[in-house]
N, C-alpha and C. Protein backbone atom coordinates (compact mmCIF):
# COMPACT_ATOMS: atom_id res chain seq x y z
N MET A 1 -8.36 -1.19 -37.68
CA MET A 1 -6.92 -0.95 -37.51
C MET A 1 -6.26 -0.95 -38.90
N THR A 2 -5.40 0.05 -39.17
CA THR A 2 -4.72 0.12 -40.46
C THR A 2 -3.63 -0.93 -40.53
N ASN A 3 -3.19 -1.17 -41.79
CA ASN A 3 -2.12 -2.14 -41.97
C ASN A 3 -0.87 -1.72 -41.20
N ASN A 4 -0.58 -0.41 -41.22
CA ASN A 4 0.59 0.11 -40.52
C ASN A 4 0.48 -0.13 -39.02
N ALA A 5 -0.73 0.13 -38.49
CA ALA A 5 -0.94 -0.07 -37.05
C ALA A 5 -0.85 -1.55 -36.70
N SER A 6 -1.40 -2.40 -37.58
CA SER A 6 -1.35 -3.84 -37.35
C SER A 6 0.09 -4.32 -37.34
N GLU A 7 0.87 -3.75 -38.26
CA GLU A 7 2.27 -4.14 -38.35
C GLU A 7 3.02 -3.74 -37.09
N LYS A 8 2.75 -2.53 -36.60
CA LYS A 8 3.41 -2.06 -35.38
C LYS A 8 3.01 -2.93 -34.19
N SER A 9 1.73 -3.31 -34.14
CA SER A 9 1.24 -4.15 -33.05
C SER A 9 1.93 -5.50 -33.07
N ALA A 10 2.09 -6.07 -34.28
CA ALA A 10 2.74 -7.38 -34.40
C ALA A 10 4.19 -7.30 -33.96
N ILE A 11 4.87 -6.23 -34.40
CA ILE A 11 6.27 -6.05 -34.01
C ILE A 11 6.37 -5.90 -32.50
N SER A 12 5.47 -5.11 -31.91
CA SER A 12 5.47 -4.91 -30.46
C SER A 12 5.27 -6.22 -29.73
N GLY A 13 4.34 -7.05 -30.24
CA GLY A 13 4.09 -8.35 -29.61
C GLY A 13 5.30 -9.24 -29.68
N GLN A 14 5.99 -9.22 -30.83
CA GLN A 14 7.19 -10.03 -30.98
C GLN A 14 8.27 -9.56 -30.02
N ALA A 15 8.41 -8.24 -29.86
CA ALA A 15 9.43 -7.69 -28.96
C ALA A 15 9.15 -8.11 -27.54
N ALA A 16 7.88 -8.07 -27.13
CA ALA A 16 7.52 -8.47 -25.77
C ALA A 16 7.83 -9.92 -25.54
N SER A 17 7.55 -10.75 -26.57
CA SER A 17 7.81 -12.18 -26.46
C SER A 17 9.30 -12.44 -26.27
N VAL A 18 10.13 -11.74 -27.07
CA VAL A 18 11.57 -11.92 -26.98
C VAL A 18 12.08 -11.40 -25.64
N PHE A 19 11.53 -10.28 -25.20
CA PHE A 19 11.99 -9.65 -23.96
C PHE A 19 11.85 -10.58 -22.78
N PHE A 20 10.79 -11.39 -22.75
CA PHE A 20 10.56 -12.24 -21.60
C PHE A 20 11.12 -13.65 -21.77
N GLU A 21 11.88 -13.89 -22.84
CA GLU A 21 12.57 -15.15 -22.94
C GLU A 21 13.77 -15.14 -22.02
N ASP A 22 14.29 -16.33 -21.72
CA ASP A 22 15.42 -16.45 -20.81
C ASP A 22 16.62 -15.69 -21.35
N LEU A 23 17.33 -15.00 -20.46
CA LEU A 23 18.48 -14.19 -20.86
C LEU A 23 19.61 -15.07 -21.40
N HIS A 24 19.88 -16.18 -20.73
CA HIS A 24 20.96 -17.06 -21.14
C HIS A 24 20.42 -18.45 -21.44
N GLU A 25 20.96 -19.06 -22.47
CA GLU A 25 20.59 -20.43 -22.79
C GLU A 25 21.27 -21.35 -21.78
N SER A 26 20.49 -22.16 -21.09
CA SER A 26 21.06 -23.01 -20.05
C SER A 26 21.82 -24.17 -20.67
N LEU A 27 22.74 -24.74 -19.90
CA LEU A 27 23.49 -25.90 -20.34
C LEU A 27 22.61 -27.14 -20.35
N ASP A 28 22.92 -28.08 -21.21
CA ASP A 28 22.19 -29.35 -21.21
C ASP A 28 23.15 -30.46 -20.80
N ALA A 29 22.62 -31.68 -20.75
CA ALA A 29 23.40 -32.82 -20.26
C ALA A 29 24.64 -33.09 -21.12
N LEU A 30 24.59 -32.72 -22.40
CA LEU A 30 25.73 -32.95 -23.28
C LEU A 30 26.81 -31.89 -23.13
N SER A 31 26.40 -30.67 -22.87
CA SER A 31 27.37 -29.57 -22.80
C SER A 31 27.93 -29.32 -21.41
N VAL A 32 27.26 -29.84 -20.38
CA VAL A 32 27.66 -29.48 -19.02
C VAL A 32 28.99 -30.12 -18.61
N VAL A 33 29.23 -31.38 -18.99
CA VAL A 33 30.47 -32.04 -18.58
C VAL A 33 31.70 -31.42 -19.26
N PRO A 34 31.67 -31.17 -20.59
CA PRO A 34 32.82 -30.48 -21.20
C PRO A 34 33.10 -29.12 -20.56
N GLU A 35 32.03 -28.38 -20.21
CA GLU A 35 32.24 -27.07 -19.58
C GLU A 35 32.86 -27.24 -18.19
N ALA A 36 32.36 -28.22 -17.43
CA ALA A 36 32.90 -28.46 -16.09
C ALA A 36 34.35 -28.93 -16.16
N SER A 37 34.71 -29.60 -17.23
CA SER A 37 36.07 -30.13 -17.37
C SER A 37 37.11 -29.02 -17.57
N HIS A 38 36.66 -27.82 -17.91
CA HIS A 38 37.59 -26.70 -18.07
C HIS A 38 38.15 -26.23 -16.74
N CYS A 39 37.45 -26.53 -15.64
CA CYS A 39 37.88 -26.06 -14.33
C CYS A 39 39.17 -26.76 -13.93
N LEU A 40 40.13 -26.00 -13.43
CA LEU A 40 41.43 -26.54 -13.04
C LEU A 40 41.48 -26.97 -11.58
N TYR A 41 40.38 -26.80 -10.85
CA TYR A 41 40.30 -27.17 -9.43
C TYR A 41 41.46 -26.54 -8.66
N CYS A 42 41.56 -25.24 -8.76
CA CYS A 42 42.69 -24.49 -8.21
C CYS A 42 42.80 -24.60 -6.68
N TYR A 43 44.00 -24.59 -6.20
CA TYR A 43 44.26 -24.48 -4.76
C TYR A 43 44.07 -23.03 -4.36
N GLU A 44 43.36 -22.78 -3.24
CA GLU A 44 43.02 -21.40 -2.84
C GLU A 44 42.40 -20.66 -4.02
N ALA A 45 41.39 -21.26 -4.58
CA ALA A 45 40.78 -20.79 -5.82
C ALA A 45 40.34 -19.33 -5.73
N PRO A 46 40.79 -18.48 -6.65
CA PRO A 46 40.39 -17.08 -6.62
C PRO A 46 38.89 -16.88 -6.86
N CYS A 47 38.24 -17.83 -7.54
CA CYS A 47 36.80 -17.68 -7.78
C CYS A 47 36.01 -17.73 -6.47
N ILE A 48 36.48 -18.54 -5.50
CA ILE A 48 35.81 -18.59 -4.19
C ILE A 48 35.96 -17.26 -3.48
N GLN A 49 37.14 -16.71 -3.54
CA GLN A 49 37.40 -15.43 -2.88
C GLN A 49 36.57 -14.31 -3.50
N ALA A 50 36.25 -14.44 -4.79
CA ALA A 50 35.47 -13.40 -5.47
C ALA A 50 33.97 -13.57 -5.27
N CYS A 51 33.55 -14.73 -4.76
CA CYS A 51 32.12 -15.00 -4.58
C CYS A 51 31.61 -14.37 -3.29
N PRO A 52 30.62 -13.49 -3.34
CA PRO A 52 30.11 -12.84 -2.13
C PRO A 52 29.55 -13.83 -1.10
N THR A 53 29.13 -15.02 -1.55
CA THR A 53 28.58 -16.00 -0.60
C THR A 53 29.52 -17.17 -0.35
N SER A 54 30.77 -17.05 -0.83
CA SER A 54 31.84 -18.02 -0.53
C SER A 54 31.48 -19.46 -0.89
N ILE A 55 30.76 -19.65 -2.00
CA ILE A 55 30.45 -21.00 -2.47
C ILE A 55 31.76 -21.69 -2.89
N ASP A 56 31.89 -22.95 -2.55
CA ASP A 56 33.06 -23.73 -2.96
C ASP A 56 32.90 -24.12 -4.43
N ILE A 57 33.27 -23.20 -5.28
CA ILE A 57 33.02 -23.34 -6.71
C ILE A 57 33.77 -24.52 -7.33
N PRO A 58 35.08 -24.67 -7.10
CA PRO A 58 35.77 -25.81 -7.72
C PRO A 58 35.19 -27.16 -7.31
N THR A 59 34.75 -27.27 -6.05
CA THR A 59 34.20 -28.54 -5.59
C THR A 59 32.89 -28.86 -6.30
N PHE A 60 31.98 -27.87 -6.39
CA PHE A 60 30.70 -28.19 -7.03
C PHE A 60 30.89 -28.47 -8.52
N ILE A 61 31.85 -27.79 -9.15
CA ILE A 61 32.11 -28.07 -10.57
C ILE A 61 32.70 -29.47 -10.74
N HIS A 62 33.61 -29.86 -9.84
CA HIS A 62 34.17 -31.21 -9.89
C HIS A 62 33.07 -32.26 -9.69
N GLN A 63 32.12 -31.97 -8.82
CA GLN A 63 31.01 -32.90 -8.60
C GLN A 63 30.15 -33.04 -9.86
N ILE A 64 29.93 -31.94 -10.56
CA ILE A 64 29.19 -32.02 -11.83
C ILE A 64 29.96 -32.87 -12.83
N ARG A 65 31.26 -32.63 -12.93
CA ARG A 65 32.09 -33.35 -13.91
C ARG A 65 32.07 -34.85 -13.66
N THR A 66 31.97 -35.24 -12.41
CA THR A 66 31.98 -36.67 -12.08
C THR A 66 30.58 -37.27 -11.98
N GLY A 67 29.56 -36.49 -12.37
CA GLY A 67 28.20 -37.01 -12.44
C GLY A 67 27.38 -36.85 -11.17
N ASN A 68 27.95 -36.21 -10.16
CA ASN A 68 27.22 -36.03 -8.89
C ASN A 68 26.56 -34.65 -8.89
N VAL A 69 25.56 -34.49 -9.73
CA VAL A 69 24.93 -33.18 -9.89
C VAL A 69 24.14 -32.80 -8.63
N THR A 70 23.47 -33.76 -8.02
CA THR A 70 22.73 -33.47 -6.78
C THR A 70 23.69 -33.04 -5.68
N GLY A 71 24.84 -33.69 -5.59
CA GLY A 71 25.85 -33.28 -4.62
C GLY A 71 26.37 -31.89 -4.88
N ALA A 72 26.50 -31.54 -6.15
CA ALA A 72 26.94 -30.19 -6.52
C ALA A 72 25.95 -29.15 -6.03
N ALA A 73 24.65 -29.44 -6.23
CA ALA A 73 23.62 -28.52 -5.76
C ALA A 73 23.67 -28.37 -4.26
N HIS A 74 23.91 -29.46 -3.54
CA HIS A 74 23.99 -29.41 -2.08
C HIS A 74 25.16 -28.54 -1.64
N THR A 75 26.29 -28.65 -2.34
CA THR A 75 27.46 -27.81 -2.03
C THR A 75 27.11 -26.34 -2.21
N ILE A 76 26.42 -26.01 -3.27
CA ILE A 76 26.03 -24.62 -3.53
C ILE A 76 25.05 -24.11 -2.48
N LEU A 77 23.99 -24.88 -2.24
CA LEU A 77 22.91 -24.44 -1.36
C LEU A 77 23.32 -24.43 0.10
N SER A 78 24.37 -25.15 0.45
CA SER A 78 24.87 -25.12 1.82
C SER A 78 25.35 -23.72 2.19
N GLU A 79 25.86 -23.00 1.21
CA GLU A 79 26.33 -21.63 1.44
C GLU A 79 25.29 -20.59 1.07
N ASN A 80 24.44 -20.91 0.11
CA ASN A 80 23.46 -19.94 -0.39
C ASN A 80 22.21 -20.69 -0.82
N ILE A 81 21.22 -20.74 0.05
CA ILE A 81 20.01 -21.51 -0.23
C ILE A 81 19.25 -20.95 -1.42
N MET A 82 19.53 -19.70 -1.78
CA MET A 82 18.91 -19.10 -2.96
C MET A 82 19.89 -19.08 -4.12
N GLY A 83 20.66 -20.16 -4.22
CA GLY A 83 21.67 -20.27 -5.27
C GLY A 83 21.09 -20.32 -6.67
N GLY A 84 19.81 -20.70 -6.81
CA GLY A 84 19.18 -20.71 -8.12
C GLY A 84 19.03 -19.31 -8.68
N THR A 85 18.54 -18.39 -7.85
CA THR A 85 18.44 -16.99 -8.26
C THR A 85 19.82 -16.40 -8.46
N CYS A 86 20.73 -16.73 -7.57
CA CYS A 86 22.11 -16.24 -7.69
C CYS A 86 22.68 -16.60 -9.05
N ALA A 87 22.46 -17.83 -9.50
CA ALA A 87 23.00 -18.28 -10.78
C ALA A 87 22.41 -17.48 -11.95
N ARG A 88 21.20 -16.96 -11.77
CA ARG A 88 20.53 -16.22 -12.83
C ARG A 88 20.86 -14.72 -12.81
N ALA A 89 21.01 -14.17 -11.62
CA ALA A 89 21.08 -12.71 -11.48
C ALA A 89 22.45 -12.17 -11.08
N CYS A 90 23.30 -13.01 -10.51
CA CYS A 90 24.60 -12.53 -10.04
C CYS A 90 25.47 -12.12 -11.23
N PRO A 91 26.17 -10.98 -11.15
CA PRO A 91 27.06 -10.57 -12.24
C PRO A 91 28.36 -11.37 -12.21
N THR A 92 28.26 -12.66 -12.54
CA THR A 92 29.41 -13.55 -12.46
C THR A 92 30.58 -13.07 -13.33
N GLU A 93 30.24 -12.36 -14.41
CA GLU A 93 31.30 -11.93 -15.33
C GLU A 93 32.26 -10.94 -14.69
N VAL A 94 31.85 -10.27 -13.61
CA VAL A 94 32.76 -9.34 -12.93
C VAL A 94 33.14 -9.84 -11.53
N LEU A 95 32.69 -11.05 -11.17
CA LEU A 95 33.03 -11.62 -9.86
C LEU A 95 33.82 -12.91 -10.08
N CYS A 96 33.17 -14.06 -9.86
CA CYS A 96 33.90 -15.34 -9.92
C CYS A 96 34.52 -15.61 -11.28
N GLU A 97 33.78 -15.34 -12.35
CA GLU A 97 34.31 -15.66 -13.68
C GLU A 97 35.45 -14.73 -14.07
N GLN A 98 35.40 -13.50 -13.60
CA GLN A 98 36.51 -12.58 -13.87
C GLN A 98 37.77 -13.02 -13.12
N ALA A 99 37.56 -13.66 -11.97
CA ALA A 99 38.70 -14.13 -11.16
C ALA A 99 39.25 -15.46 -11.66
N CYS A 100 38.57 -16.13 -12.58
CA CYS A 100 39.00 -17.44 -13.08
C CYS A 100 40.41 -17.33 -13.67
N VAL A 101 41.27 -18.28 -13.31
CA VAL A 101 42.67 -18.21 -13.75
C VAL A 101 42.83 -18.35 -15.26
N HIS A 102 41.82 -18.87 -15.94
CA HIS A 102 41.91 -18.97 -17.39
C HIS A 102 42.07 -17.60 -18.04
N ASN A 103 41.55 -16.56 -17.38
CA ASN A 103 41.68 -15.21 -17.95
C ASN A 103 43.14 -14.79 -18.06
N VAL A 104 43.98 -15.28 -17.16
CA VAL A 104 45.40 -14.90 -17.16
C VAL A 104 46.09 -15.39 -18.42
N THR A 105 45.67 -16.54 -18.92
CA THR A 105 46.30 -17.13 -20.11
C THR A 105 45.57 -16.75 -21.40
N GLY A 106 44.58 -15.88 -21.28
CA GLY A 106 43.86 -15.44 -22.47
C GLY A 106 42.78 -16.37 -22.93
N HIS A 107 42.43 -17.37 -22.11
CA HIS A 107 41.38 -18.31 -22.47
C HIS A 107 40.05 -17.89 -21.85
N LYS A 108 38.99 -18.45 -22.37
CA LYS A 108 37.64 -18.16 -21.87
C LYS A 108 37.49 -18.72 -20.46
N PRO A 109 36.97 -17.93 -19.52
CA PRO A 109 36.77 -18.45 -18.17
C PRO A 109 35.70 -19.54 -18.13
N VAL A 110 35.72 -20.32 -17.09
CA VAL A 110 34.70 -21.33 -16.89
C VAL A 110 33.35 -20.65 -16.71
N GLU A 111 32.30 -21.19 -17.30
CA GLU A 111 30.95 -20.62 -17.20
C GLU A 111 30.34 -21.02 -15.85
N ILE A 112 30.83 -20.38 -14.79
CA ILE A 112 30.45 -20.77 -13.43
C ILE A 112 28.95 -20.57 -13.19
N GLY A 113 28.42 -19.44 -13.64
CA GLY A 113 27.01 -19.15 -13.41
C GLY A 113 26.11 -20.19 -14.06
N LEU A 114 26.41 -20.58 -15.29
CA LEU A 114 25.59 -21.57 -15.99
C LEU A 114 25.71 -22.96 -15.34
N LEU A 115 26.91 -23.30 -14.85
CA LEU A 115 27.10 -24.57 -14.17
C LEU A 115 26.32 -24.59 -12.86
N GLN A 116 26.34 -23.47 -12.14
CA GLN A 116 25.58 -23.38 -10.89
C GLN A 116 24.09 -23.53 -11.17
N ARG A 117 23.63 -22.88 -12.21
CA ARG A 117 22.22 -22.98 -12.56
C ARG A 117 21.84 -24.41 -12.92
N TYR A 118 22.71 -25.07 -13.69
CA TYR A 118 22.42 -26.45 -14.08
C TYR A 118 22.23 -27.33 -12.84
N ALA A 119 23.11 -27.17 -11.86
CA ALA A 119 23.04 -28.01 -10.65
C ALA A 119 21.79 -27.71 -9.82
N THR A 120 21.52 -26.44 -9.58
CA THR A 120 20.37 -26.09 -8.74
C THR A 120 19.05 -26.41 -9.43
N ASP A 121 18.98 -26.17 -10.73
CA ASP A 121 17.76 -26.52 -11.47
C ASP A 121 17.52 -28.03 -11.46
N HIS A 122 18.60 -28.78 -11.58
CA HIS A 122 18.49 -30.24 -11.55
C HIS A 122 17.89 -30.71 -10.23
N LEU A 123 18.37 -30.16 -9.13
CA LEU A 123 17.87 -30.58 -7.82
C LEU A 123 16.40 -30.20 -7.65
N MET A 124 16.04 -28.99 -8.03
CA MET A 124 14.66 -28.55 -7.88
C MET A 124 13.72 -29.36 -8.78
N ALA A 125 14.20 -29.77 -9.95
CA ALA A 125 13.37 -30.53 -10.87
C ALA A 125 13.13 -31.95 -10.38
N GLU A 126 13.99 -32.44 -9.50
CA GLU A 126 13.84 -33.80 -8.98
C GLU A 126 12.58 -33.95 -8.14
N ASN A 127 12.15 -32.83 -7.50
CA ASN A 127 10.97 -32.85 -6.62
C ASN A 127 11.09 -33.92 -5.54
N GLY A 128 12.31 -34.15 -5.10
CA GLY A 128 12.54 -35.12 -4.04
C GLY A 128 12.44 -34.46 -2.67
N PRO A 129 12.90 -35.15 -1.63
CA PRO A 129 12.88 -34.57 -0.30
C PRO A 129 13.80 -33.36 -0.22
N HIS A 130 13.50 -32.46 0.69
CA HIS A 130 14.35 -31.27 0.85
C HIS A 130 15.77 -31.71 1.17
N PRO A 131 16.78 -31.06 0.59
CA PRO A 131 18.17 -31.53 0.78
C PRO A 131 18.74 -31.28 2.17
N PHE A 132 18.05 -30.51 2.99
CA PHE A 132 18.55 -30.24 4.34
C PHE A 132 17.51 -30.69 5.37
N ASN A 133 17.99 -31.12 6.51
CA ASN A 133 17.11 -31.60 7.58
C ASN A 133 17.04 -30.61 8.72
N ARG A 134 15.89 -30.58 9.37
CA ARG A 134 15.74 -29.76 10.58
C ARG A 134 16.35 -30.48 11.77
N ALA A 135 17.02 -29.71 12.60
CA ALA A 135 17.52 -30.25 13.86
C ALA A 135 16.32 -30.46 14.80
N PRO A 136 16.50 -31.21 15.90
CA PRO A 136 15.41 -31.37 16.86
C PRO A 136 14.89 -30.00 17.33
N ASP A 137 13.61 -29.94 17.63
CA ASP A 137 12.96 -28.69 18.03
C ASP A 137 13.72 -28.03 19.16
N SER A 138 14.13 -26.79 18.93
CA SER A 138 14.90 -26.04 19.94
C SER A 138 14.01 -25.41 21.00
N GLY A 139 12.70 -25.34 20.72
CA GLY A 139 11.79 -24.66 21.63
C GLY A 139 11.77 -23.16 21.44
N ARG A 140 12.51 -22.65 20.49
CA ARG A 140 12.57 -21.21 20.24
C ARG A 140 11.73 -20.84 19.04
N HIS A 141 11.12 -19.65 19.10
CA HIS A 141 10.26 -19.15 18.04
C HIS A 141 10.78 -17.78 17.64
N ILE A 142 11.16 -17.64 16.37
CA ILE A 142 11.80 -16.43 15.87
C ILE A 142 10.90 -15.73 14.87
N ALA A 143 10.80 -14.41 15.02
CA ALA A 143 10.05 -13.60 14.06
C ALA A 143 11.03 -12.95 13.09
N VAL A 144 10.68 -12.96 11.81
CA VAL A 144 11.50 -12.35 10.77
C VAL A 144 10.65 -11.33 10.04
N VAL A 145 11.19 -10.14 9.86
CA VAL A 145 10.48 -9.09 9.14
C VAL A 145 10.96 -9.08 7.69
N GLY A 146 10.05 -9.43 6.78
CA GLY A 146 10.36 -9.38 5.35
C GLY A 146 10.67 -10.74 4.76
N ALA A 147 9.93 -11.13 3.72
CA ALA A 147 10.15 -12.40 3.02
C ALA A 147 10.95 -12.18 1.75
N GLY A 148 11.99 -11.34 1.86
CA GLY A 148 12.91 -11.15 0.74
C GLY A 148 14.07 -12.12 0.86
N PRO A 149 15.09 -11.98 0.01
CA PRO A 149 16.21 -12.93 0.03
C PRO A 149 16.88 -13.07 1.39
N ALA A 150 17.13 -11.95 2.07
CA ALA A 150 17.80 -12.02 3.37
C ALA A 150 16.92 -12.68 4.42
N GLY A 151 15.65 -12.25 4.48
CA GLY A 151 14.74 -12.82 5.47
C GLY A 151 14.51 -14.30 5.27
N LEU A 152 14.31 -14.71 4.02
CA LEU A 152 14.05 -16.12 3.73
C LEU A 152 15.29 -16.97 3.95
N SER A 153 16.46 -16.45 3.59
CA SER A 153 17.70 -17.19 3.82
C SER A 153 17.93 -17.39 5.31
N PHE A 154 17.70 -16.34 6.08
CA PHE A 154 17.82 -16.45 7.53
C PHE A 154 16.82 -17.45 8.09
N ALA A 155 15.58 -17.37 7.61
CA ALA A 155 14.53 -18.26 8.09
C ALA A 155 14.91 -19.72 7.83
N HIS A 156 15.46 -19.99 6.66
CA HIS A 156 15.84 -21.36 6.33
C HIS A 156 16.94 -21.86 7.25
N ARG A 157 17.96 -21.03 7.49
CA ARG A 157 19.05 -21.46 8.37
C ARG A 157 18.55 -21.64 9.80
N ALA A 158 17.65 -20.77 10.24
CA ALA A 158 17.09 -20.91 11.59
C ALA A 158 16.28 -22.19 11.70
N ALA A 159 15.53 -22.52 10.65
CA ALA A 159 14.75 -23.76 10.64
C ALA A 159 15.67 -24.97 10.68
N MET A 160 16.80 -24.91 9.99
CA MET A 160 17.77 -26.00 10.04
C MET A 160 18.25 -26.24 11.47
N LEU A 161 18.32 -25.17 12.25
CA LEU A 161 18.79 -25.27 13.64
C LEU A 161 17.68 -25.71 14.59
N GLY A 162 16.49 -25.96 14.07
CA GLY A 162 15.41 -26.46 14.88
C GLY A 162 14.48 -25.42 15.44
N HIS A 163 14.65 -24.16 15.02
CA HIS A 163 13.77 -23.09 15.52
C HIS A 163 12.49 -23.02 14.68
N LYS A 164 11.42 -22.59 15.28
CA LYS A 164 10.19 -22.27 14.58
C LYS A 164 10.30 -20.82 14.10
N VAL A 165 9.88 -20.55 12.87
CA VAL A 165 10.07 -19.21 12.30
C VAL A 165 8.75 -18.69 11.74
N SER A 166 8.41 -17.45 12.11
CA SER A 166 7.28 -16.74 11.52
C SER A 166 7.83 -15.54 10.76
N VAL A 167 7.52 -15.49 9.46
CA VAL A 167 7.99 -14.41 8.61
C VAL A 167 6.82 -13.48 8.31
N TYR A 168 7.01 -12.17 8.54
CA TYR A 168 5.96 -11.18 8.32
C TYR A 168 6.33 -10.35 7.10
N GLU A 169 5.50 -10.44 6.07
CA GLU A 169 5.77 -9.80 4.78
C GLU A 169 4.70 -8.74 4.48
N ALA A 170 5.16 -7.54 4.08
CA ALA A 170 4.24 -6.44 3.82
C ALA A 170 3.42 -6.65 2.56
N LYS A 171 3.96 -7.36 1.58
CA LYS A 171 3.25 -7.56 0.32
C LYS A 171 2.45 -8.87 0.34
N SER A 172 1.75 -9.11 -0.76
CA SER A 172 0.89 -10.29 -0.83
C SER A 172 1.61 -11.52 -1.38
N LYS A 173 2.88 -11.34 -1.79
CA LYS A 173 3.66 -12.46 -2.32
C LYS A 173 5.05 -12.41 -1.69
N PRO A 174 5.71 -13.57 -1.55
CA PRO A 174 7.07 -13.58 -1.00
C PRO A 174 8.10 -13.35 -2.10
N GLY A 175 9.34 -13.20 -1.70
CA GLY A 175 10.43 -13.11 -2.66
C GLY A 175 11.18 -11.80 -2.64
N GLY A 176 10.49 -10.70 -2.27
CA GLY A 176 11.16 -9.41 -2.21
C GLY A 176 11.79 -9.03 -3.53
N LEU A 177 13.07 -8.69 -3.49
CA LEU A 177 13.80 -8.28 -4.69
C LEU A 177 13.71 -9.32 -5.79
N ASN A 178 13.79 -10.60 -5.42
CA ASN A 178 13.76 -11.65 -6.44
C ASN A 178 12.44 -11.67 -7.20
N GLU A 179 11.35 -11.35 -6.51
CA GLU A 179 10.03 -11.37 -7.12
C GLU A 179 9.69 -10.06 -7.80
N TYR A 180 10.05 -8.94 -7.18
CA TYR A 180 9.59 -7.63 -7.65
C TYR A 180 10.69 -6.78 -8.29
N GLY A 181 11.96 -7.09 -8.06
CA GLY A 181 13.02 -6.19 -8.48
C GLY A 181 13.89 -6.65 -9.62
N LEU A 182 13.91 -7.95 -9.90
CA LEU A 182 14.78 -8.45 -10.96
C LEU A 182 14.07 -8.45 -12.30
N ALA A 183 14.83 -8.25 -13.35
CA ALA A 183 14.25 -8.21 -14.70
C ALA A 183 13.59 -9.54 -15.02
N ALA A 184 12.46 -9.45 -15.72
CA ALA A 184 11.67 -10.64 -16.04
C ALA A 184 12.45 -11.65 -16.86
N TYR A 185 13.36 -11.18 -17.72
CA TYR A 185 14.11 -12.10 -18.56
C TYR A 185 15.16 -12.89 -17.77
N LYS A 186 15.41 -12.48 -16.52
CA LYS A 186 16.31 -13.25 -15.67
C LYS A 186 15.56 -14.28 -14.82
N MET A 187 14.27 -14.06 -14.64
CA MET A 187 13.50 -14.89 -13.71
C MET A 187 12.24 -15.42 -14.41
N VAL A 188 12.43 -16.09 -15.53
CA VAL A 188 11.29 -16.58 -16.30
C VAL A 188 10.61 -17.75 -15.58
N ALA A 189 9.39 -18.03 -16.01
CA ALA A 189 8.62 -19.18 -15.52
C ALA A 189 8.42 -19.15 -14.00
N ASP A 190 8.19 -17.94 -13.46
CA ASP A 190 7.90 -17.79 -12.03
C ASP A 190 8.96 -18.45 -11.15
N PHE A 191 10.23 -18.28 -11.55
CA PHE A 191 11.28 -18.97 -10.79
C PHE A 191 11.35 -18.49 -9.35
N ALA A 192 11.16 -17.20 -9.11
CA ALA A 192 11.25 -16.69 -7.73
C ALA A 192 10.26 -17.40 -6.82
N ALA A 193 9.02 -17.57 -7.30
CA ALA A 193 8.00 -18.24 -6.49
C ALA A 193 8.34 -19.71 -6.29
N ARG A 194 8.86 -20.35 -7.33
CA ARG A 194 9.21 -21.77 -7.22
C ARG A 194 10.37 -21.98 -6.25
N GLU A 195 11.30 -21.02 -6.23
CA GLU A 195 12.43 -21.13 -5.31
C GLU A 195 11.97 -20.97 -3.87
N VAL A 196 11.02 -20.07 -3.63
CA VAL A 196 10.48 -19.92 -2.28
C VAL A 196 9.80 -21.21 -1.83
N ASP A 197 9.01 -21.80 -2.70
CA ASP A 197 8.35 -23.07 -2.36
C ASP A 197 9.39 -24.14 -2.02
N PHE A 198 10.46 -24.17 -2.78
CA PHE A 198 11.53 -25.13 -2.51
C PHE A 198 12.15 -24.87 -1.14
N LEU A 199 12.44 -23.63 -0.85
CA LEU A 199 13.06 -23.25 0.42
C LEU A 199 12.17 -23.64 1.60
N LEU A 200 10.88 -23.42 1.46
CA LEU A 200 9.94 -23.71 2.55
C LEU A 200 9.79 -25.21 2.78
N GLY A 201 10.31 -26.01 1.86
CA GLY A 201 10.20 -27.45 1.99
C GLY A 201 10.88 -28.02 3.22
N ILE A 202 11.73 -27.24 3.85
CA ILE A 202 12.40 -27.73 5.06
C ILE A 202 11.43 -27.83 6.22
N GLY A 203 10.33 -27.07 6.17
CA GLY A 203 9.34 -27.09 7.25
C GLY A 203 9.72 -26.13 8.38
N GLY A 204 8.74 -25.85 9.22
CA GLY A 204 8.99 -24.99 10.38
C GLY A 204 8.96 -23.51 10.11
N ILE A 205 8.61 -23.12 8.86
CA ILE A 205 8.56 -21.70 8.49
C ILE A 205 7.15 -21.37 8.03
N GLU A 206 6.59 -20.32 8.61
CA GLU A 206 5.27 -19.85 8.20
C GLU A 206 5.37 -18.38 7.80
N ILE A 207 4.76 -18.03 6.66
CA ILE A 207 4.79 -16.65 6.19
C ILE A 207 3.42 -16.03 6.34
N PHE A 208 3.38 -14.84 6.93
CA PHE A 208 2.14 -14.07 7.08
C PHE A 208 2.23 -12.87 6.14
N TYR A 209 1.26 -12.75 5.24
CA TYR A 209 1.31 -11.70 4.22
C TYR A 209 0.50 -10.47 4.63
N ASN A 210 0.77 -9.36 3.93
CA ASN A 210 0.09 -8.08 4.17
C ASN A 210 0.25 -7.64 5.63
N GLU A 211 1.43 -7.91 6.17
CA GLU A 211 1.75 -7.51 7.55
C GLU A 211 2.95 -6.57 7.49
N GLU A 212 2.67 -5.26 7.57
CA GLU A 212 3.71 -4.26 7.42
C GLU A 212 4.14 -3.70 8.76
N LEU A 213 5.43 -3.75 9.04
CA LEU A 213 5.95 -3.24 10.30
C LEU A 213 5.68 -1.74 10.41
N GLY A 214 5.11 -1.36 11.53
CA GLY A 214 4.78 0.03 11.76
C GLY A 214 3.35 0.37 11.42
N LYS A 215 2.65 -0.55 10.74
CA LYS A 215 1.24 -0.36 10.40
C LYS A 215 0.41 -1.45 11.04
N SER A 216 0.33 -2.60 10.37
CA SER A 216 -0.47 -3.69 10.94
C SER A 216 0.34 -4.50 11.93
N LEU A 217 1.64 -4.23 12.03
CA LEU A 217 2.53 -5.03 12.88
C LEU A 217 3.48 -4.12 13.63
N THR A 218 3.68 -4.41 14.92
CA THR A 218 4.64 -3.62 15.72
C THR A 218 5.67 -4.55 16.33
N VAL A 219 6.77 -4.01 16.76
CA VAL A 219 7.82 -4.81 17.39
C VAL A 219 7.26 -5.47 18.65
N GLU A 220 6.40 -4.76 19.36
CA GLU A 220 5.81 -5.33 20.57
C GLU A 220 4.99 -6.58 20.25
N ASP A 221 4.26 -6.54 19.14
CA ASP A 221 3.51 -7.71 18.71
C ASP A 221 4.43 -8.90 18.51
């Protein structure tokens, strides 16, 4: 290999390394409270209205500010069990953060996405019991087609209600868009797979892989 080729190879390797680093630097324990303190805890908060999953943003930020990070994660995940991916991939700058009242006064909006990520990552890193409990067995068994965000979110809520859930996924891995469609720099360290494992921690959900509707699987089945 010539020196020129070696140089190009090294540059290419460096670019690949940078490309797969995390898109945003996450908040740490020292920076999270000052950031949370910027929130004004608005009445009829416009950030909630701008959130597609209606997360109670001021409440979870207030919980972070007062040291109840696990409670903040519970508030987030109660509305969106895949809130970890949401914090990484949602265009907060044109949704909740754009609606932040600080923009009206010319100040920087609250970093809602980073605060949400801090809370959800904290809970997942605890490796404690699943934050939600299953209701008593309902005796019902539900089939879900697709282990993507919608299918898995539905499966989790159905499991909370005490139903048994079988998820049929055409691919060999779960996650759908989160696993196969999002840019790698948004989902570093196999986060999509780790989030699925976390979600399944509620119990009562089984995923069957390589089962494609219309081929190996029919509605009658």
